Amino acid sequence: MAAMLLKGGEAASAVMKEVAAGVADLARSGYVPGLATVLVGDDPASHTYVRAKRRDAAKVGIRSIHHQLEEIPSQEELEDLVNGLSADPGVDGILVQLPLPEGLDEGRVVGCIDPRKDVDGLHNENLGRLVAELPGPRPCTPAGVMRILSHYDLPVSGKRAVVVGRSFLVGKPLALLLATKGADATVTIAHSRTVDLESLCREADILVAAVGRAKMVKASWVKPGAVVIDVGINRTAEGLVGDVDFAEVSEVASAITPVPGGVGLMTRAMLMSNTVSAARGNISGLGGVG
């Protein structure tokens, strides 16, 4: 039997409806949330991602403040820009599109973002809050994966989860979210140096691929009936494909996310959700509006 398709668009639509309602509620108080985007250089993929995020913001009524730096700035110039946005009371969320061009220190730039405006959830303070299970913005892609599992009523508690990939963008924070109290999965993080990776993956009830290698995960890697989440986006001669061999694995798994049309759409939706949450916090800090 073919796997159930976990459509990112369906789950993202539900999130965006919640976001639009939140923006409308803020608007009734006389406040319009503002999302600042910073795009450095001429990477085509980055331009595509930022345009999509700005369109998403417009759809739900979030004000977009865009800074496009076609000429590569110095480290100090970029940090000054981000520090200025952090200090601007009209900016609720800040997104610096990553990766940055070679020569710029991403960690230092992200560190300039006010943690309360860090809608990507990548500031060290917010990653620490995730580890400590304290409230705060969660990284968008991991949060999107958790929302997909919830949207399709796929159980997590007590399940064995294997996350293939250990980046601070996806793998590590997703493993923490899966293991946190309330989710309660038993989680293993695997990577390129994991011994007998294929056998380990076959133990997973929930298998997440986030390594950036096209069609790496084959049907033989997957436990029959497992839920497979494909975070990878790889540009190939045949178009965009994930880290999972979809045709093979969909015949073994019970549920699977497609690429495209899966987790990527959720990443953008969770960015909008984080922006509305940040705006509510900003209003609280300003003592209310209206």
C-alpha atoms as a PDB file:
ATOM      1  CA  MET A   1       0.000   0.000   0.000  1.00  0.00           C
ATOM      2  CA  ALA A   2       1.326   3.453  -0.912  1.00  0.00           C
ATOM      3  CA  ALA A   3       2.124   5.785   1.963  1.00  0.00           C
ATOM      4  CA  MET A   4      -0.200   8.567   3.072  1.00  0.00           C
ATOM      5  CA  LEU A   5       1.052  11.851   1.606  1.00  0.00           C
ATOM      6  CA  LEU A   6       1.818  14.443   4.264  1.00  0.00           C
ATOM      7  CA  LYS A   7       1.075  17.574   2.278  1.00  0.00           C
ATOM      8  CA  GLY A   8       2.902  20.603   3.583  1.00  0.00           C
ATOM      9  CA  GLY A   9       0.471  22.902   1.818  1.00  0.00           C
ATOM     10  CA  GLU A  10      -2.479  21.534   3.769  1.00  0.00           C
ATOM     11  CA  ALA A  11      -0.780  21.943   7.148  1.00  0.00           C
ATOM     12  CA  ALA A  12       0.703  25.323   6.162  1.00  0.00           C
ATOM     13  CA  SER A  13      -2.746  26.581   5.160  1.00  0.00           C
ATOM     14  CA  ALA A  14      -4.034  25.827   8.657  1.00  0.00           C
ATOM     15  CA  VAL A  15      -1.106  27.712  10.199  1.00  0.00           C
ATOM     16  CA  MET A  16      -1.548  30.687   7.879  1.00  0.00           C
ATOM     17  CA  LYS A  17      -5.237  30.937   8.807  1.00  0.00           C
ATOM     18  CA  GLU A  18      -4.207  31.144  12.459  1.00  0.00           C
ATOM     19  CA  VAL A  19      -1.604  33.771  11.592  1.00  0.00           C
ATOM     20  CA  ALA A  20      -4.094  35.866   9.605  1.00  0.00           C
ATOM     21  CA  ALA A  21      -6.503  35.761  12.541  1.00  0.00           C
ATOM     22  CA  GLY A  22      -3.696  36.860  14.862  1.00  0.00           C
ATOM     23  CA  VAL A  23      -2.742  39.742  12.570  1.00  0.00           C
ATOM     24  CA  ALA A  24      -6.394  40.822  12.337  1.00  0.00           C
ATOM     25  CA  ASP A  25      -6.641  40.784  16.125  1.00  0.00           C
ATOM     26  CA  LEU A  26      -3.551  43.000  16.401  1.00  0.00           C
ATOM     27  CA  ALA A  27      -4.916  45.308  13.693  1.00  0.00           C
ATOM     28  CA  ARG A  28      -8.083  45.856  15.722  1.00  0.00           C
ATOM     29  CA  SER A  29      -5.806  47.233  18.421  1.00  0.00           C
ATOM     30  CA  GLY A  30      -4.196  49.553  15.870  1.00  0.00           C
ATOM     31  CA  TYR A  31      -1.000  47.551  15.406  1.00  0.00           C
ATOM     32  CA  VAL A  32       0.413  45.998  12.232  1.00  0.00           C
ATOM     33  CA  PRO A  33       3.274  43.517  12.729  1.00  0.00           C
ATOM     34  CA  GLY A  34       6.486  44.240  10.832  1.00  0.00           C
ATOM     35  CA  LEU A  35       8.927  41.659   9.470  1.00  0.00           C
ATOM     36  CA  ALA A  36      12.371  42.852   8.351  1.00  0.00           C
ATOM     37  CA  THR A  37      14.232  40.707   5.828  1.00  0.00           C
ATOM     38  CA  VAL A  38      17.927  41.106   5.033  1.00  0.00           C
ATOM     39  CA  LEU A  39      19.266  39.607   1.817  1.00  0.00           C
ATOM     40  CA  VAL A  40      22.978  39.829   1.008  1.00  0.00           C
ATOM     41  CA  GLY A  41      24.441  39.015  -2.391  1.00  0.00           C
ATOM     42  CA  ASP A  42      22.983  37.536  -5.552  1.00  0.00           C
ATOM     43  CA  ASP A  43      22.379  33.856  -4.747  1.00  0.00           C
ATOM     44  CA  PRO A  44      19.325  32.892  -6.863  1.00  0.00           C
ATOM     45  CA  ALA A  45      17.948  30.417  -4.304  1.00  0.00           C
ATOM     46  CA  SER A  46      18.148  32.998  -1.523  1.00  0.00           C
ATOM     47  CA  HIS A  47      16.341  35.564  -3.680  1.00  0.00           C
ATOM     48  CA  THR A  48      13.598  33.011  -4.399  1.00  0.00           C
ATOM     49  CA  TYR A  49      13.173  32.141  -0.717  1.00  0.00           C
ATOM     50  CA  VAL A  50      12.979  35.768   0.408  1.00  0.00           C
ATOM     51  CA  ARG A  51      10.475  36.709  -2.308  1.00  0.00           C
ATOM     52  CA  ALA A  52       8.269  33.819  -1.204  1.00  0.00           C
ATOM     53  CA  LYS A  53       8.493  34.872   2.445  1.00  0.00           C
ATOM     54  CA  ARG A  54       7.577  38.449   1.583  1.00  0.00           C
ATOM     55  CA  ARG A  55       4.584  37.233  -0.435  1.00  0.00           C
ATOM     56  CA  ASP A  56       3.495  35.143   2.547  1.00  0.00           C
ATOM     57  CA  ALA A  57       3.732  38.211   4.776  1.00  0.00           C
ATOM     58  CA  ALA A  58       1.602  40.264   2.403  1.00  0.00           C
ATOM     59  CA  LYS A  59      -1.074  37.548   2.249  1.00  0.00           C
ATOM     60  CA  VAL A  60      -1.643  37.640   6.010  1.00  0.00           C
ATOM     61  CA  GLY A  61      -1.236  41.394   6.472  1.00  0.00           C
ATOM     62  CA  ILE A  62       2.285  41.514   7.932  1.00  0.00           C
ATOM     63  CA  ARG A  63       4.229  44.638   6.944  1.00  0.00           C
ATOM     64  CA  SER A  64       7.424  43.802   5.042  1.00  0.00           C
ATOM     65  CA  ILE A  65      10.624  45.826   5.543  1.00  0.00           C
ATOM     66  CA  HIS A  66      13.189  44.565   3.047  1.00  0.00           C
ATOM     67  CA  HIS A  67      16.915  45.310   2.897  1.00  0.00           C
ATOM     68  CA  GLN A  68      18.621  43.962  -0.213  1.00  0.00           C
ATOM     69  CA  LEU A  69      22.399  44.375  -0.259  1.00  0.00           C
ATOM     70  CA  GLU A  70      23.629  43.421  -3.709  1.00  0.00           C
ATOM     71  CA  GLU A  71      27.119  44.658  -2.954  1.00  0.00           C
ATOM     72  CA  ILE A  72      28.696  42.570  -0.202  1.00  0.00           C
ATOM     73  CA  PRO A  73      28.994  44.747   2.921  1.00  0.00           C
ATOM     74  CA  SER A  74      31.721  44.542   5.510  1.00  0.00           C
ATOM     75  CA  GLN A  75      31.044  42.540   8.654  1.00  0.00           C
ATOM     76  CA  GLU A  76      30.693  45.773  10.611  1.00  0.00           C
ATOM     77  CA  GLU A  77      28.255  47.302   8.104  1.00  0.00           C
ATOM     78  CA  LEU A  78      26.010  44.252   8.195  1.00  0.00           C
ATOM     79  CA  GLU A  79      26.095  44.081  11.978  1.00  0.00           C
ATOM     80  CA  ASP A  80      25.226  47.791  12.177  1.00  0.00           C
ATOM     81  CA  LEU A  81      22.186  47.200   9.959  1.00  0.00           C
ATOM     82  CA  VAL A  82      20.962  44.290  12.083  1.00  0.00           C
ATOM     83  CA  ASN A  83      21.609  46.171  15.318  1.00  0.00           C
ATOM     84  CA  GLY A  84      19.549  49.059  13.952  1.00  0.00           C
ATOM     85  CA  LEU A  85      16.642  46.767  13.118  1.00  0.00           C
ATOM     86  CA  SER A  86      16.859  45.227  16.589  1.00  0.00           C
ATOM     87  CA  ALA A  87      16.529  48.693  18.118  1.00  0.00           C
ATOM     88  CA  ASP A  88      13.635  49.749  15.853  1.00  0.00           C
ATOM     89  CA  PRO A  89      10.305  49.505  17.755  1.00  0.00           C
ATOM     90  CA  GLY A  90       8.470  49.191  14.425  1.00  0.00           C
ATOM     91  CA  VAL A  91      10.234  45.922  13.640  1.00  0.00           C
ATOM     92  CA  ASP A  92       8.827  42.837  15.342  1.00  0.00           C
ATOM     93  CA  GLY A  93      10.766  40.133  13.537  1.00  0.00           C
ATOM     94  CA  ILE A  94      14.140  39.990  11.802  1.00  0.00           C
ATOM     95  CA  LEU A  95      15.155  37.411   9.220  1.00  0.00           C
ATOM     96  CA  VAL A  96      18.706  37.405   7.869  1.00  0.00           C
ATOM     97  CA  GLN A  97      18.659  35.025   4.914  1.00  0.00           C
ATOM     98  CA  LEU A  98      21.291  32.325   5.275  1.00  0.00           C
ATOM     99  CA  PRO A  99      23.757  31.292   4.052  1.00  0.00           C
ATOM    100  CA  LEU A 100      25.639  34.580   3.889  1.00  0.00           C
ATOM    101  CA  PRO A 101      28.331  35.106   1.250  1.00  0.00           C
ATOM    102  CA  GLU A 102      31.804  33.804   2.032  1.00  0.00           C
ATOM    103  CA  GLY A 103      33.760  36.050   4.368  1.00  0.00           C
ATOM    104  CA  LEU A 104      30.831  37.075   6.555  1.00  0.00           C
ATOM    105  CA  ASP A 105      30.477  35.526  10.010  1.00  0.00           C
ATOM    106  CA  GLU A 106      26.911  34.215  10.244  1.00  0.00           C
ATOM    107  CA  GLY A 107      27.118  33.554  13.975  1.00  0.00           C
ATOM    108  CA  ARG A 108      28.100  37.134  14.741  1.00  0.00           C
ATOM    109  CA  VAL A 109      25.328  38.518  12.524  1.00  0.00           C
ATOM    110  CA  VAL A 110      22.625  36.300  14.047  1.00  0.00           C
ATOM    111  CA  GLY A 111      23.977  37.267  17.472  1.00  0.00           C
ATOM    112  CA  CYS A 112      23.118  40.910  16.697  1.00  0.00           C
ATOM    113  CA  ILE A 113      19.416  40.085  16.422  1.00  0.00           C
ATOM    114  CA  ASP A 114      17.370  40.931  19.506  1.00  0.00           C
ATOM    115  CA  PRO A 115      16.394  37.427  20.739  1.00  0.00           C
ATOM    116  CA  ARG A 116      12.782  38.625  21.050  1.00  0.00           C
ATOM    117  CA  LYS A 117      12.810  39.463  17.306  1.00  0.00           C
ATOM    118  CA  ASP A 118      14.621  36.297  16.235  1.00  0.00           C
ATOM    119  CA  VAL A 119      11.802  34.770  14.189  1.00  0.00           C
ATOM    120  CA  ASP A 120      14.161  32.140  12.759  1.00  0.00           C
ATOM    121  CA  GLY A 121      14.811  30.889  16.309  1.00  0.00           C
ATOM    122  CA  LEU A 122      18.569  30.631  15.705  1.00  0.00           C
ATOM    123  CA  HIS A 123      19.984  33.070  18.265  1.00  0.00           C
ATOM    124  CA  ASN A 124      22.081  31.307  20.906  1.00  0.00           C
ATOM    125  CA  GLU A 125      19.730  32.500  23.640  1.00  0.00           C
ATOM    126  CA  ASN A 126      16.718  30.978  21.905  1.00  0.00           C
ATOM    127  CA  LEU A 127      18.512  27.716  21.172  1.00  0.00           C
ATOM    128  CA  GLY A 128      19.361  27.637  24.875  1.00  0.00           C
ATOM    129  CA  ARG A 129      15.721  28.198  25.746  1.00  0.00           C
ATOM    130  CA  LEU A 130      14.849  25.244  23.526  1.00  0.00           C
ATOM    131  CA  VAL A 131      17.333  23.041  25.388  1.00  0.00           C
ATOM    132  CA  ALA A 132      15.901  24.199  28.722  1.00  0.00           C
ATOM    133  CA  GLU A 133      12.305  23.729  27.468  1.00  0.00           C
ATOM    134  CA  LEU A 134      11.540  27.387  28.140  1.00  0.00           C
ATOM    135  CA  PRO A 135       9.172  29.468  25.959  1.00  0.00           C
ATOM    136  CA  GLY A 136      10.704  31.159  22.947  1.00  0.00           C
ATOM    137  CA  PRO A 137      10.745  31.146  19.148  1.00  0.00           C
ATOM    138  CA  ARG A 138      11.579  27.726  17.737  1.00  0.00           C
ATOM    139  CA  PRO A 139      13.587  27.212  14.530  1.00  0.00           C
ATOM    140  CA  CYS A 140      11.085  27.272  11.697  1.00  0.00           C
ATOM    141  CA  THR A 141      11.855  24.028   9.888  1.00  0.00           C
ATOM    142  CA  PRO A 142      11.896  21.822  13.020  1.00  0.00           C
ATOM    143  CA  ALA A 143       8.746  23.551  14.271  1.00  0.00           C
ATOM    144  CA  GLY A 144       7.162  22.914  10.881  1.00  0.00           C
ATOM    145  CA  VAL A 145       7.967  19.213  11.084  1.00  0.00           C
ATOM    146  CA  MET A 146       6.339  18.994  14.497  1.00  0.00           C
ATOM    147  CA  ARG A 147       3.265  20.801  13.188  1.00  0.00           C
ATOM    148  CA  ILE A 148       2.957  18.370  10.254  1.00  0.00           C
ATOM    149  CA  LEU A 149       3.029  15.414  12.658  1.00  0.00           C
ATOM    150  CA  SER A 150       0.373  17.110  14.793  1.00  0.00           C
ATOM    151  CA  HIS A 151      -1.783  18.146  11.840  1.00  0.00           C
ATOM    152  CA  TYR A 152      -2.024  14.560  10.596  1.00  0.00           C
ATOM    153  CA  ASP A 153      -2.503  13.153  14.117  1.00  0.00           C
ATOM    154  CA  LEU A 154       0.623  11.035  13.881  1.00  0.00           C
ATOM    155  CA  PRO A 155       1.653   9.836  17.343  1.00  0.00           C
ATOM    156  CA  VAL A 156       5.093  10.799  18.629  1.00  0.00           C
ATOM    157  CA  SER A 157       4.988   9.796  22.289  1.00  0.00           C
ATOM    158  CA  GLY A 158       6.906   6.593  22.959  1.00  0.00           C
ATOM    159  CA  LYS A 159       8.070   6.302  19.348  1.00  0.00           C
ATOM    160  CA  ARG A 160      11.647   5.678  18.284  1.00  0.00           C
ATOM    161  CA  ALA A 161      12.807   8.602  16.138  1.00  0.00           C
ATOM    162  CA  VAL A 162      16.010   8.783  14.114  1.00  0.00           C
ATOM    163  CA  VAL A 163      17.120  12.159  12.774  1.00  0.00           C
ATOM    164  CA  VAL A 164      19.758  11.873  10.051  1.00  0.00           C
ATOM    165  CA  GLY A 165      21.601  15.185  10.134  1.00  0.00           C
ATOM    166  CA  ARG A 166      23.081  17.206  12.998  1.00  0.00           C
ATOM    167  CA  SER A 167      22.970  20.820  11.802  1.00  0.00           C
ATOM    168  CA  PHE A 168      21.962  23.566  14.210  1.00  0.00           C
ATOM    169  CA  LEU A 169      19.378  24.647  11.611  1.00  0.00           C
ATOM    170  CA  VAL A 170      17.399  21.398  11.554  1.00  0.00           C
ATOM    171  CA  GLY A 171      18.834  18.204  12.985  1.00  0.00           C
ATOM    172  CA  LYS A 172      19.775  19.186  16.513  1.00  0.00           C
ATOM    173  CA  PRO A 173      16.756  21.409  17.289  1.00  0.00           C
ATOM    174  CA  LEU A 174      14.347  18.893  15.765  1.00  0.00           C
ATOM    175  CA  ALA A 175      15.800  16.123  17.908  1.00  0.00           C
ATOM    176  CA  LEU A 176      15.230  18.314  20.973  1.00  0.00           C
ATOM    177  CA  LEU A 177      11.635  19.064  19.973  1.00  0.00           C
ATOM    178  CA  LEU A 178      10.876  15.387  19.410  1.00  0.00           C
ATOM    179  CA  ALA A 179      12.320  14.474  22.804  1.00  0.00           C
ATOM    180  CA  THR A 180      10.848  17.361  24.809  1.00  0.00           C
ATOM    181  CA  LYS A 181       8.222  16.745  27.458  1.00  0.00           C
ATOM    182  CA  GLY A 182       4.854  16.447  25.771  1.00  0.00           C
ATOM    183  CA  ALA A 183       6.326  15.017  22.566  1.00  0.00           C
ATOM    184  CA  ASP A 184       8.201  12.249  24.394  1.00  0.00           C
ATOM    185  CA  ALA A 185       9.905  10.410  21.543  1.00  0.00           C
ATOM    186  CA  THR A 186      13.137   8.488  22.087  1.00  0.00           C
ATOM    187  CA  VAL A 187      15.555  10.157  19.699  1.00  0.00           C
ATOM    188  CA  THR A 188      18.836   9.236  18.045  1.00  0.00           C
ATOM    189  CA  ILE A 189      20.821  11.762  16.002  1.00  0.00           C
ATOM    190  CA  ALA A 190      22.716  10.096  13.130  1.00  0.00           C
ATOM    191  CA  HIS A 191      25.236  11.548  10.695  1.00  0.00           C
ATOM    192  CA  SER A 192      27.878  10.711   8.099  1.00  0.00           C
ATOM    193  CA  ARG A 193      30.108   8.958  10.642  1.00  0.00           C
ATOM    194  CA  THR A 194      27.358   6.813  12.152  1.00  0.00           C
ATOM    195  CA  VAL A 195      28.299   3.142  11.990  1.00  0.00           C
ATOM    196  CA  ASP A 196      25.820   1.050   9.971  1.00  0.00           C
ATOM    197  CA  LEU A 197      23.521   3.985   9.322  1.00  0.00           C
ATOM    198  CA  GLU A 198      21.136   1.912   7.215  1.00  0.00           C
ATOM    199  CA  SER A 199      20.435  -0.556  10.037  1.00  0.00           C
ATOM    200  CA  LEU A 200      19.928   2.263  12.535  1.00  0.00           C
ATOM    201  CA  CYS A 201      17.390   3.946  10.258  1.00  0.00           C
ATOM    202  CA  ARG A 202      15.443   0.689   9.975  1.00  0.00           C
ATOM    203  CA  GLU A 203      14.799   0.857  13.721  1.00  0.00           C
ATOM    204  CA  ALA A 204      12.934   4.168  13.441  1.00  0.00           C
ATOM    205  CA  ASP A 205       9.193   4.604  13.796  1.00  0.00           C
ATOM    206  CA  ILE A 206       9.786   8.198  12.687  1.00  0.00           C
ATOM    207  CA  LEU A 207      12.666   8.736  10.268  1.00  0.00           C
ATOM    208  CA  VAL A 208      13.797  12.257   9.419  1.00  0.00           C
ATOM    209  CA  ALA A 209      16.284  12.897   6.597  1.00  0.00           C
ATOM    210  CA  ALA A 210      18.041  16.274   6.750  1.00  0.00           C
ATOM    211  CA  VAL A 211      21.478  15.831   5.179  1.00  0.00           C
ATOM    212  CA  GLY A 212      21.331  17.438   1.726  1.00  0.00           C
ATOM    213  CA  ARG A 213      22.133  14.313  -0.315  1.00  0.00           C
ATOM    214  CA  ALA A 214      19.683  13.546  -3.112  1.00  0.00           C
ATOM    215  CA  LYS A 215      17.748  10.279  -2.704  1.00  0.00           C
ATOM    216  CA  MET A 216      20.154   8.939  -0.095  1.00  0.00           C
ATOM    217  CA  VAL A 217      17.476   7.119   1.920  1.00  0.00           C
ATOM    218  CA  LYS A 218      16.303   4.002   0.086  1.00  0.00           C
ATOM    219  CA  ALA A 219      13.441   1.623   0.809  1.00  0.00           C
ATOM    220  CA  SER A 220      15.861  -0.819   2.451  1.00  0.00           C
ATOM    221  CA  TRP A 221      16.617   1.852   5.082  1.00  0.00           C
ATOM    222  CA  VAL A 222      12.991   2.152   6.198  1.00  0.00           C
ATOM    223  CA  LYS A 223      11.067   0.071   8.710  1.00  0.00           C
ATOM    224  CA  PRO A 224       7.743  -1.029   7.168  1.00  0.00           C
ATOM    225  CA  GLY A 225       5.039   1.321   8.370  1.00  0.00           C
ATOM    226  CA  ALA A 226       7.439   4.078   9.492  1.00  0.00           C
ATOM    227  CA  VAL A 227       6.643   7.779   9.131  1.00  0.00           C
ATOM    228  CA  VAL A 228       9.265   9.414   6.896  1.00  0.00           C
ATOM    229  CA  ILE A 229       9.939  13.148   6.971  1.00  0.00           C
ATOM    230  CA  ASP A 230      12.103  14.437   4.112  1.00  0.00           C
ATOM    231  CA  VAL A 231      13.670  17.825   4.887  1.00  0.00           C
ATOM    232  CA  GLY A 232      16.167  17.783   2.024  1.00  0.00           C
ATOM    233  CA  ILE A 233      15.909  20.016  -1.037  1.00  0.00           C
ATOM    234  CA  ASN A 234      18.364  19.092  -3.774  1.00  0.00           C
ATOM    235  CA  ARG A 235      18.543  20.598  -7.245  1.00  0.00           C
ATOM    236  CA  THR A 236      19.149  17.887  -9.840  1.00  0.00           C
ATOM    237  CA  ALA A 237      18.768  17.415 -13.582  1.00  0.00           C
ATOM    238  CA  GLU A 238      15.308  15.979 -12.925  1.00  0.00           C
ATOM    239  CA  GLY A 239      14.306  18.954 -10.774  1.00  0.00           C
ATOM    240  CA  LEU A 240      13.962  19.331  -7.017  1.00  0.00           C
ATOM    241  CA  VAL A 241      14.262  16.098  -5.069  1.00  0.00           C
ATOM    242  CA  GLY A 242      14.597  15.272  -1.406  1.00  0.00           C
ATOM    243  CA  ASP A 243      17.045  13.235   0.631  1.00  0.00           C
ATOM    244  CA  VAL A 244      14.617  10.294   0.352  1.00  0.00           C
ATOM    245  CA  ASP A 245      14.040   8.183  -2.741  1.00  0.00           C
ATOM    246  CA  PHE A 246      10.346   8.990  -2.769  1.00  0.00           C
ATOM    247  CA  ALA A 247       9.236   6.398  -5.330  1.00  0.00           C
ATOM    248  CA  GLU A 248      10.856   3.540  -3.410  1.00  0.00           C
ATOM    249  CA  VAL A 249      10.170   4.639   0.141  1.00  0.00           C
ATOM    250  CA  SER A 250       6.515   5.555  -0.394  1.00  0.00           C
ATOM    251  CA  GLU A 251       5.860   1.847  -0.999  1.00  0.00           C
ATOM    252  CA  VAL A 252       7.252   0.938   2.443  1.00  0.00           C
ATOM    253  CA  ALA A 253       6.399   3.855   4.746  1.00  0.00           C
ATOM    254  CA  SER A 254       2.969   4.494   6.229  1.00  0.00           C
ATOM    255  CA  ALA A 255       3.289   8.250   5.660  1.00  0.00           C
ATOM    256  CA  ILE A 256       5.792  10.491   3.876  1.00  0.00           C
ATOM    257  CA  THR A 257       6.382  14.150   3.033  1.00  0.00           C
ATOM    258  CA  PRO A 258       6.932  14.976  -0.650  1.00  0.00           C
ATOM    259  CA  VAL A 259       9.626  17.235  -2.118  1.00  0.00           C
ATOM    260  CA  PRO A 260       8.617  19.770  -3.212  1.00  0.00           C
ATOM    261  CA  GLY A 261       5.325  20.406  -1.442  1.00  0.00           C
ATOM    262  CA  GLY A 262       6.266  19.169   2.005  1.00  0.00           C
ATOM    263  CA  VAL A 263       8.372  20.602   4.811  1.00  0.00           C
ATOM    264  CA  GLY A 264       9.521  23.670   2.857  1.00  0.00           C
ATOM    265  CA  LEU A 265       6.033  25.162   2.860  1.00  0.00           C
ATOM    266  CA  MET A 266       5.798  24.637   6.607  1.00  0.00           C
ATOM    267  CA  THR A 267       9.081  26.453   7.204  1.00  0.00           C
ATOM    268  CA  ARG A 268       7.629  29.621   5.684  1.00  0.00           C
ATOM    269  CA  ALA A 269       4.350  29.282   7.574  1.00  0.00           C
ATOM    270  CA  MET A 270       6.122  28.901  10.913  1.00  0.00           C
ATOM    271  CA  LEU A 271       8.156  32.030  10.162  1.00  0.00           C
ATOM    272  CA  MET A 272       4.897  33.964   9.899  1.00  0.00           C
ATOM    273  CA  SER A 273       3.638  32.361  13.113  1.00  0.00           C
ATOM    274  CA  ASN A 274       6.816  33.353  14.944  1.00  0.00           C
ATOM    275  CA  THR A 275       6.448  36.921  13.644  1.00  0.00           C
ATOM    276  CA  VAL A 276       2.950  37.272  15.092  1.00  0.00           C
ATOM    277  CA  SER A 277       4.139  35.872  18.423  1.00  0.00           C
ATOM    278  CA  ALA A 278       7.025  38.347  18.409  1.00  0.00           C
ATOM    279  CA  ALA A 279       4.610  41.198  17.660  1.00  0.00           C
ATOM    280  CA  ARG A 280       2.481  40.258  20.651  1.00  0.00           C
ATOM    281  CA  GLY A 281       5.599  40.345  22.804  1.00  0.00           C
ATOM    282  CA  ASN A 282       6.614  43.697  21.331  1.00  0.00           C
ATOM    283  CA  ILE A 283       3.218  45.188  22.165  1.00  0.00           C
ATOM    284  CA  SER A 284       3.553  43.921  25.697  1.00  0.00           C
ATOM    285  CA  GLY A 285       6.965  45.565  25.964  1.00  0.00           C
ATOM    286  CA  LEU A 286       5.586  48.838  24.630  1.00  0.00           C
ATOM    287  CA  GLY A 287       2.812  48.790  27.193  1.00  0.00           C
ATOM    288  CA  GLY A 288       0.059  48.136  24.681  1.00  0.00           C
ATOM    289  CA  VAL A 289      -1.184  49.977  21.627  1.00  0.00           C
ATOM    290  CA  GLY A 290      -4.213  51.891  20.568  1.00  0.00           C
END
